[in-house]
Amino acid sequence: MIEIDVIGTPAPQGSKRHVGGGRMVESSKKVKPWRNAVSAEALNHTFGPWPYVGVSVVFRLKRPKSHYRTGRFADQLRPDAPRYPAKYPDLDKLCRSTLDGLKAGGAFEDDALVVVLDARKVFAEDSEPGARIQVFPTL
């Protein structure tokens, strides 16, 4: 099993938009930096030629300032702050951009080889935003 820790803002790979002349571009400008960060970390590791691949990923997202109290208690969470980031970005779209970054970093030849995918979104409470990714052979 190979474990990678990527620091940065996880970005969803969503729809593409047509810009003319048959060209399509990503709707979000954050996708490319995230894919590049994942790819750069993956390039630091050697992956086996596995016929089937499993990926486990925990996305760490930054809490919005609105989740915190104000004034002298600004370092404390509000009592009604959500436990999980059950809003934007969508988990499936975060996985799409991350798998593309892993492919570009040489983790596997094609993301179609991924037959097991375990993904979660949490708030980055005691660490920087990013993702902890595990890539492993699947029998």
N, C-alpha and C. Protein backbone atom coordinates (compact mmCIF):
# COMPACT_ATOMS: atom_id res chain seq x y z
N MET A 1 0.85 -1.18 0.00
CA MET A 1 0.00 0.00 0.00
C MET A 1 0.90 1.24 0.00
N ILE A 2 0.51 2.22 -0.79
CA ILE A 2 1.23 3.50 -0.86
C ILE A 2 0.32 4.55 -0.24
N GLU A 3 0.88 5.34 0.67
CA GLU A 3 0.11 6.40 1.32
C GLU A 3 0.69 7.75 0.92
N ILE A 4 -0.20 8.66 0.53
CA ILE A 4 0.20 9.99 0.07
C ILE A 4 -0.59 11.02 0.87
N ASP A 5 0.08 12.08 1.29
CA ASP A 5 -0.61 13.18 1.94
C ASP A 5 -0.43 14.42 1.07
N VAL A 6 -1.52 14.92 0.54
CA VAL A 6 -1.48 16.08 -0.34
C VAL A 6 -1.99 17.29 0.43
N ILE A 7 -1.21 18.36 0.44
CA ILE A 7 -1.61 19.60 1.10
C ILE A 7 -2.12 20.55 0.01
N GLY A 8 -3.25 21.17 0.28
CA GLY A 8 -3.84 22.09 -0.69
C GLY A 8 -5.35 22.07 -0.56
N THR A 9 -6.01 22.81 -1.41
CA THR A 9 -7.46 22.87 -1.38
C THR A 9 -8.04 21.86 -2.37
N PRO A 10 -8.68 20.80 -1.86
CA PRO A 10 -9.30 19.84 -2.78
C PRO A 10 -10.34 20.53 -3.66
N ALA A 11 -10.26 20.27 -4.96
CA ALA A 11 -11.15 20.93 -5.89
C ALA A 11 -11.93 19.90 -6.70
N PRO A 12 -13.21 20.13 -6.88
CA PRO A 12 -14.02 19.18 -7.64
C PRO A 12 -13.84 19.35 -9.15
N GLN A 13 -13.83 18.23 -9.84
CA GLN A 13 -13.79 18.27 -11.30
C GLN A 13 -15.23 18.12 -11.76
N GLY A 14 -15.80 19.22 -12.17
CA GLY A 14 -17.20 19.21 -12.57
C GLY A 14 -17.35 19.26 -14.06
N SER A 15 -18.23 20.08 -14.48
CA SER A 15 -18.55 20.20 -15.89
C SER A 15 -17.49 21.01 -16.62
N LYS A 16 -17.45 20.83 -17.91
CA LYS A 16 -16.60 21.65 -18.77
C LYS A 16 -17.50 22.58 -19.55
N ARG A 17 -16.93 23.71 -19.96
CA ARG A 17 -17.73 24.64 -20.75
C ARG A 17 -17.06 24.87 -22.09
N HIS A 18 -17.86 25.12 -23.08
CA HIS A 18 -17.39 25.34 -24.44
C HIS A 18 -16.94 26.79 -24.58
N VAL A 19 -15.71 27.00 -25.11
CA VAL A 19 -15.19 28.36 -25.25
C VAL A 19 -15.03 28.76 -26.71
N GLY A 20 -15.50 27.92 -27.62
CA GLY A 20 -15.42 28.24 -29.04
C GLY A 20 -14.32 27.46 -29.73
N GLY A 21 -14.49 27.29 -30.99
CA GLY A 21 -13.49 26.58 -31.79
C GLY A 21 -13.35 25.11 -31.40
N GLY A 22 -14.39 24.54 -30.80
CA GLY A 22 -14.33 23.14 -30.40
C GLY A 22 -13.54 22.90 -29.13
N ARG A 23 -13.15 23.96 -28.42
CA ARG A 23 -12.36 23.80 -27.19
C ARG A 23 -13.27 23.79 -25.97
N MET A 24 -12.89 22.92 -25.02
CA MET A 24 -13.61 22.82 -23.76
C MET A 24 -12.62 23.11 -22.63
N VAL A 25 -13.06 23.83 -21.61
CA VAL A 25 -12.21 24.11 -20.45
C VAL A 25 -12.98 23.79 -19.18
N GLU A 26 -12.23 23.53 -18.11
CA GLU A 26 -12.84 23.25 -16.81
C GLU A 26 -13.60 24.47 -16.32
N SER A 27 -14.72 24.23 -15.68
CA SER A 27 -15.52 25.32 -15.13
C SER A 27 -14.82 25.97 -13.94
N SER A 28 -14.10 25.18 -13.16
CA SER A 28 -13.43 25.69 -11.96
C SER A 28 -11.94 25.87 -12.21
N LYS A 29 -11.40 27.01 -11.82
CA LYS A 29 -9.98 27.28 -11.97
C LYS A 29 -9.15 26.58 -10.88
N LYS A 30 -9.80 25.99 -9.88
CA LYS A 30 -9.09 25.32 -8.79
C LYS A 30 -8.74 23.88 -9.12
N VAL A 31 -9.34 23.33 -10.18
CA VAL A 31 -9.13 21.91 -10.50
C VAL A 31 -7.69 21.62 -10.90
N LYS A 32 -7.14 22.41 -11.78
CA LYS A 32 -5.79 22.15 -12.28
C LYS A 32 -4.75 22.17 -11.16
N PRO A 33 -4.74 23.19 -10.28
CA PRO A 33 -3.75 23.17 -9.19
C PRO A 33 -3.90 21.95 -8.27
N TRP A 34 -5.15 21.51 -8.03
CA TRP A 34 -5.34 20.34 -7.18
C TRP A 34 -4.83 19.08 -7.87
N ARG A 35 -5.18 18.89 -9.13
CA ARG A 35 -4.69 17.72 -9.87
C ARG A 35 -3.17 17.72 -9.93
N ASN A 36 -2.57 18.89 -10.14
CA ASN A 36 -1.10 18.99 -10.18
C ASN A 36 -0.47 18.64 -8.84
N ALA A 37 -1.10 19.05 -7.74
CA ALA A 37 -0.57 18.74 -6.40
C ALA A 37 -0.64 17.23 -6.14
N VAL A 38 -1.74 16.60 -6.52
CA VAL A 38 -1.89 15.15 -6.35
C VAL A 38 -0.85 14.43 -7.21
N SER A 39 -0.72 14.85 -8.46
CA SER A 39 0.23 14.24 -9.38
C SER A 39 1.67 14.37 -8.87
N ALA A 40 2.03 15.54 -8.38
CA ALA A 40 3.38 15.78 -7.87
C ALA A 40 3.70 14.85 -6.70
N GLU A 41 2.74 14.66 -5.79
CA GLU A 41 2.96 13.76 -4.65
C GLU A 41 3.06 12.31 -5.12
N ALA A 42 2.22 11.93 -6.08
CA ALA A 42 2.25 10.55 -6.59
C ALA A 42 3.57 10.24 -7.28
N LEU A 43 4.15 11.23 -7.96
CA LEU A 43 5.42 11.02 -8.65
C LEU A 43 6.57 10.68 -7.69
N ASN A 44 6.40 10.98 -6.40
CA ASN A 44 7.42 10.67 -5.40
C ASN A 44 7.40 9.21 -4.96
N HIS A 45 6.48 8.41 -5.51
CA HIS A 45 6.33 7.02 -5.10
C HIS A 45 6.39 6.09 -6.30
N THR A 46 6.70 4.84 -6.02
CA THR A 46 6.73 3.82 -7.06
C THR A 46 5.55 2.89 -6.84
N PHE A 47 4.72 2.78 -7.84
CA PHE A 47 3.53 1.95 -7.77
C PHE A 47 3.76 0.67 -8.55
N GLY A 48 3.16 -0.41 -8.08
CA GLY A 48 3.29 -1.69 -8.77
C GLY A 48 2.42 -1.74 -10.01
N PRO A 49 2.71 -2.68 -10.90
CA PRO A 49 1.83 -2.85 -12.07
C PRO A 49 0.62 -3.71 -11.68
N TRP A 50 -0.23 -3.16 -10.85
CA TRP A 50 -1.35 -3.90 -10.31
C TRP A 50 -2.48 -4.00 -11.34
N PRO A 51 -3.08 -5.19 -11.50
CA PRO A 51 -4.18 -5.31 -12.46
C PRO A 51 -5.46 -4.66 -11.96
N TYR A 52 -5.62 -4.63 -10.64
CA TYR A 52 -6.79 -3.99 -10.03
C TYR A 52 -6.30 -3.11 -8.90
N VAL A 53 -6.88 -1.94 -8.79
CA VAL A 53 -6.40 -0.95 -7.83
C VAL A 53 -7.53 -0.53 -6.90
N GLY A 54 -7.18 -0.31 -5.64
CA GLY A 54 -8.09 0.25 -4.67
C GLY A 54 -7.57 1.61 -4.23
N VAL A 55 -8.46 2.53 -3.97
CA VAL A 55 -8.09 3.87 -3.51
C VAL A 55 -8.96 4.24 -2.32
N SER A 56 -8.33 4.70 -1.28
CA SER A 56 -9.03 5.23 -0.12
C SER A 56 -8.57 6.66 0.07
N VAL A 57 -9.50 7.57 0.21
CA VAL A 57 -9.12 8.99 0.33
C VAL A 57 -10.00 9.69 1.36
N VAL A 58 -9.35 10.49 2.19
CA VAL A 58 -10.04 11.34 3.16
C VAL A 58 -9.71 12.78 2.80
N PHE A 59 -10.72 13.51 2.34
CA PHE A 59 -10.54 14.92 1.98
C PHE A 59 -10.71 15.76 3.23
N ARG A 60 -9.73 16.64 3.48
CA ARG A 60 -9.79 17.57 4.61
C ARG A 60 -10.14 18.95 4.07
N LEU A 61 -11.31 19.44 4.44
CA LEU A 61 -11.78 20.74 3.95
C LEU A 61 -11.73 21.78 5.06
N LYS A 62 -11.43 23.00 4.68
CA LYS A 62 -11.36 24.10 5.65
C LYS A 62 -12.76 24.49 6.11
N ARG A 63 -12.90 24.72 7.40
CA ARG A 63 -14.18 25.18 7.93
C ARG A 63 -14.41 26.64 7.56
N PRO A 64 -15.63 27.01 7.22
CA PRO A 64 -15.92 28.43 6.97
C PRO A 64 -15.86 29.22 8.27
N LYS A 65 -15.55 30.50 8.17
CA LYS A 65 -15.50 31.36 9.36
C LYS A 65 -16.85 31.43 10.07
N SER A 66 -17.92 31.23 9.32
CA SER A 66 -19.26 31.30 9.92
C SER A 66 -19.51 30.18 10.93
N HIS A 67 -18.67 29.16 10.96
CA HIS A 67 -18.82 28.06 11.93
C HIS A 67 -18.27 28.43 13.30
N TYR A 68 -17.56 29.55 13.38
CA TYR A 68 -16.92 29.95 14.63
C TYR A 68 -17.68 31.09 15.30
N ARG A 69 -17.50 31.17 16.60
CA ARG A 69 -18.10 32.26 17.36
C ARG A 69 -17.35 33.55 17.07
N THR A 70 -17.77 34.64 17.66
CA THR A 70 -17.13 35.93 17.42
C THR A 70 -16.56 36.49 18.73
N GLY A 71 -15.85 37.59 18.60
CA GLY A 71 -15.31 38.27 19.77
C GLY A 71 -14.21 37.47 20.44
N ARG A 72 -14.23 37.48 21.77
CA ARG A 72 -13.16 36.78 22.50
C ARG A 72 -13.28 35.26 22.40
N PHE A 73 -14.39 34.76 21.88
CA PHE A 73 -14.58 33.32 21.70
C PHE A 73 -14.42 32.90 20.24
N ALA A 74 -13.74 33.73 19.46
CA ALA A 74 -13.62 33.49 18.02
C ALA A 74 -12.88 32.20 17.68
N ASP A 75 -12.17 31.62 18.64
CA ASP A 75 -11.46 30.37 18.39
C ASP A 75 -12.32 29.14 18.66
N GLN A 76 -13.56 29.35 19.12
CA GLN A 76 -14.45 28.24 19.46
C GLN A 76 -15.52 28.06 18.40
N LEU A 77 -15.87 26.80 18.16
CA LEU A 77 -16.94 26.51 17.22
C LEU A 77 -18.29 26.91 17.80
N ARG A 78 -19.17 27.33 16.94
CA ARG A 78 -20.54 27.61 17.35
C ARG A 78 -21.22 26.29 17.70
N PRO A 79 -22.17 26.29 18.62
CA PRO A 79 -22.84 25.04 18.98
C PRO A 79 -23.61 24.41 17.82
N ASP A 80 -24.03 25.21 16.86
CA ASP A 80 -24.80 24.68 15.73
C ASP A 80 -23.93 24.40 14.50
N ALA A 81 -22.59 24.45 14.66
CA ALA A 81 -21.69 24.16 13.53
C ALA A 81 -21.83 22.70 13.13
N PRO A 82 -21.92 22.42 11.83
CA PRO A 82 -22.08 21.03 11.40
C PRO A 82 -20.84 20.19 11.68
N ARG A 83 -21.05 18.91 11.87
CA ARG A 83 -19.95 18.00 12.16
C ARG A 83 -19.20 17.63 10.88
N TYR A 84 -19.92 17.50 9.77
CA TYR A 84 -19.32 17.11 8.50
C TYR A 84 -19.62 18.15 7.43
N PRO A 85 -18.76 18.26 6.42
CA PRO A 85 -19.00 19.20 5.31
C PRO A 85 -19.97 18.59 4.29
N ALA A 86 -21.24 18.60 4.62
CA ALA A 86 -22.27 17.98 3.77
C ALA A 86 -22.81 18.95 2.73
N LYS A 87 -21.96 19.80 2.23
CA LYS A 87 -22.32 20.77 1.19
C LYS A 87 -21.24 20.73 0.12
N TYR A 88 -21.21 21.74 -0.73
CA TYR A 88 -20.19 21.87 -1.77
C TYR A 88 -18.81 21.75 -1.13
N PRO A 89 -17.87 21.08 -1.74
CA PRO A 89 -17.92 20.39 -3.03
C PRO A 89 -18.45 18.97 -2.90
N ASP A 90 -19.01 18.46 -3.99
CA ASP A 90 -19.55 17.11 -4.02
C ASP A 90 -18.41 16.10 -3.93
N LEU A 91 -18.63 15.06 -3.15
CA LEU A 91 -17.62 14.03 -2.94
C LEU A 91 -17.24 13.32 -4.23
N ASP A 92 -18.21 13.00 -5.06
CA ASP A 92 -17.89 12.28 -6.30
C ASP A 92 -17.03 13.12 -7.24
N LYS A 93 -17.25 14.40 -7.26
CA LYS A 93 -16.45 15.27 -8.13
C LYS A 93 -15.04 15.49 -7.58
N LEU A 94 -14.90 15.47 -6.25
CA LEU A 94 -13.57 15.52 -5.65
C LEU A 94 -12.78 14.26 -6.04
N CYS A 95 -13.47 13.12 -6.06
CA CYS A 95 -12.83 11.86 -6.44
C CYS A 95 -12.38 11.90 -7.89
N ARG A 96 -13.18 12.47 -8.76
CA ARG A 96 -12.82 12.53 -10.18
C ARG A 96 -11.51 13.28 -10.39
N SER A 97 -11.38 14.44 -9.79
CA SER A 97 -10.15 15.22 -9.98
C SER A 97 -8.95 14.53 -9.33
N THR A 98 -9.17 13.88 -8.20
CA THR A 98 -8.08 13.21 -7.49
C THR A 98 -7.60 11.98 -8.26
N LEU A 99 -8.53 11.19 -8.78
CA LEU A 99 -8.15 10.02 -9.57
C LEU A 99 -7.39 10.44 -10.83
N ASP A 100 -7.80 11.52 -11.45
CA ASP A 100 -7.08 12.02 -12.63
C ASP A 100 -5.66 12.46 -12.24
N GLY A 101 -5.51 13.07 -11.08
CA GLY A 101 -4.19 13.46 -10.60
C GLY A 101 -3.31 12.26 -10.31
N LEU A 102 -3.91 11.20 -9.73
CA LEU A 102 -3.15 9.97 -9.46
C LEU A 102 -2.71 9.32 -10.76
N LYS A 103 -3.59 9.31 -11.75
CA LYS A 103 -3.23 8.73 -13.06
C LYS A 103 -2.06 9.50 -13.66
N ALA A 104 -2.13 10.83 -13.63
CA ALA A 104 -1.06 11.66 -14.19
C ALA A 104 0.25 11.45 -13.43
N GLY A 105 0.15 11.10 -12.14
CA GLY A 105 1.34 10.85 -11.33
C GLY A 105 1.87 9.44 -11.42
N GLY A 106 1.25 8.60 -12.25
CA GLY A 106 1.75 7.25 -12.47
C GLY A 106 1.27 6.20 -11.50
N ALA A 107 0.23 6.50 -10.73
CA ALA A 107 -0.28 5.51 -9.78
C ALA A 107 -0.92 4.33 -10.50
N PHE A 108 -1.51 4.58 -11.67
CA PHE A 108 -2.11 3.54 -12.50
C PHE A 108 -2.23 4.08 -13.91
N GLU A 109 -2.37 3.16 -14.87
CA GLU A 109 -2.43 3.57 -16.28
C GLU A 109 -3.76 4.20 -16.65
N ASP A 110 -4.81 3.74 -16.00
CA ASP A 110 -6.15 4.22 -16.33
C ASP A 110 -6.99 4.15 -15.07
N ASP A 111 -7.79 5.17 -14.80
CA ASP A 111 -8.60 5.13 -13.58
C ASP A 111 -9.71 4.08 -13.67
N ALA A 112 -9.88 3.46 -14.82
CA ALA A 112 -10.82 2.33 -14.94
C ALA A 112 -10.31 1.12 -14.16
N LEU A 113 -9.00 1.08 -13.84
CA LEU A 113 -8.44 0.00 -13.05
C LEU A 113 -8.84 0.08 -11.58
N VAL A 114 -9.37 1.21 -11.15
CA VAL A 114 -9.81 1.38 -9.77
C VAL A 114 -11.14 0.64 -9.60
N VAL A 115 -11.10 -0.44 -8.80
CA VAL A 115 -12.30 -1.25 -8.59
C VAL A 115 -12.84 -1.10 -7.17
N VAL A 116 -12.05 -0.48 -6.29
CA VAL A 116 -12.49 -0.19 -4.93
C VAL A 116 -12.19 1.28 -4.67
N LEU A 117 -13.21 2.00 -4.20
CA LEU A 117 -13.04 3.42 -3.90
C LEU A 117 -13.76 3.73 -2.59
N ASP A 118 -12.99 4.17 -1.61
CA ASP A 118 -13.54 4.57 -0.32
C ASP A 118 -13.20 6.05 -0.14
N ALA A 119 -14.19 6.90 -0.02
CA ALA A 119 -13.94 8.34 0.05
C ALA A 119 -14.77 8.97 1.16
N ARG A 120 -14.18 9.97 1.82
CA ARG A 120 -14.85 10.69 2.90
C ARG A 120 -14.47 12.17 2.85
N LYS A 121 -15.36 13.01 3.37
CA LYS A 121 -15.06 14.44 3.54
C LYS A 121 -15.14 14.74 5.03
N VAL A 122 -14.12 15.41 5.54
CA VAL A 122 -14.11 15.85 6.93
C VAL A 122 -13.60 17.28 6.96
N PHE A 123 -13.81 17.94 8.08
CA PHE A 123 -13.23 19.27 8.25
C PHE A 123 -11.80 19.11 8.75
N ALA A 124 -10.91 19.95 8.27
CA ALA A 124 -9.50 19.93 8.67
C ALA A 124 -9.38 20.63 10.02
N GLU A 125 -9.63 19.90 11.08
CA GLU A 125 -9.63 20.50 12.41
C GLU A 125 -8.22 20.79 12.92
N ASP A 126 -7.37 19.77 12.90
CA ASP A 126 -6.03 19.91 13.46
C ASP A 126 -4.93 19.74 12.42
N SER A 127 -5.29 19.91 11.16
CA SER A 127 -4.31 19.78 10.10
C SER A 127 -4.67 20.72 8.96
N GLU A 128 -3.78 20.79 7.98
CA GLU A 128 -4.03 21.66 6.83
C GLU A 128 -5.03 21.00 5.88
N PRO A 129 -5.75 21.80 5.11
CA PRO A 129 -6.63 21.21 4.09
C PRO A 129 -5.82 20.39 3.09
N GLY A 130 -6.44 19.38 2.56
CA GLY A 130 -5.78 18.50 1.60
C GLY A 130 -6.45 17.16 1.58
N ALA A 131 -5.66 16.10 1.42
CA ALA A 131 -6.21 14.76 1.37
C ALA A 131 -5.15 13.74 1.76
N ARG A 132 -5.59 12.71 2.47
CA ARG A 132 -4.76 11.54 2.77
C ARG A 132 -5.25 10.45 1.83
N ILE A 133 -4.37 9.99 0.94
CA ILE A 133 -4.74 9.04 -0.09
C ILE A 133 -3.95 7.75 0.09
N GLN A 134 -4.65 6.63 0.02
CA GLN A 134 -4.01 5.32 0.04
C GLN A 134 -4.33 4.62 -1.27
N VAL A 135 -3.29 4.10 -1.92
CA VAL A 135 -3.46 3.36 -3.16
C VAL A 135 -2.92 1.96 -2.89
N PHE A 136 -3.70 0.93 -3.23
CA PHE A 136 -3.31 -0.43 -2.90
C PHE A 136 -3.79 -1.42 -3.96
N PRO A 137 -3.07 -2.57 -4.07
CA PRO A 137 -3.51 -3.58 -5.01
C PRO A 137 -4.75 -4.29 -4.48
N THR A 138 -5.63 -4.64 -5.36
CA THR A 138 -6.85 -5.34 -4.99
C THR A 138 -6.85 -6.69 -5.70
N LEU A 139 -7.16 -7.72 -4.97
CA LEU A 139 -7.19 -9.07 -5.55
C LEU A 139 -8.53 -9.38 -6.16
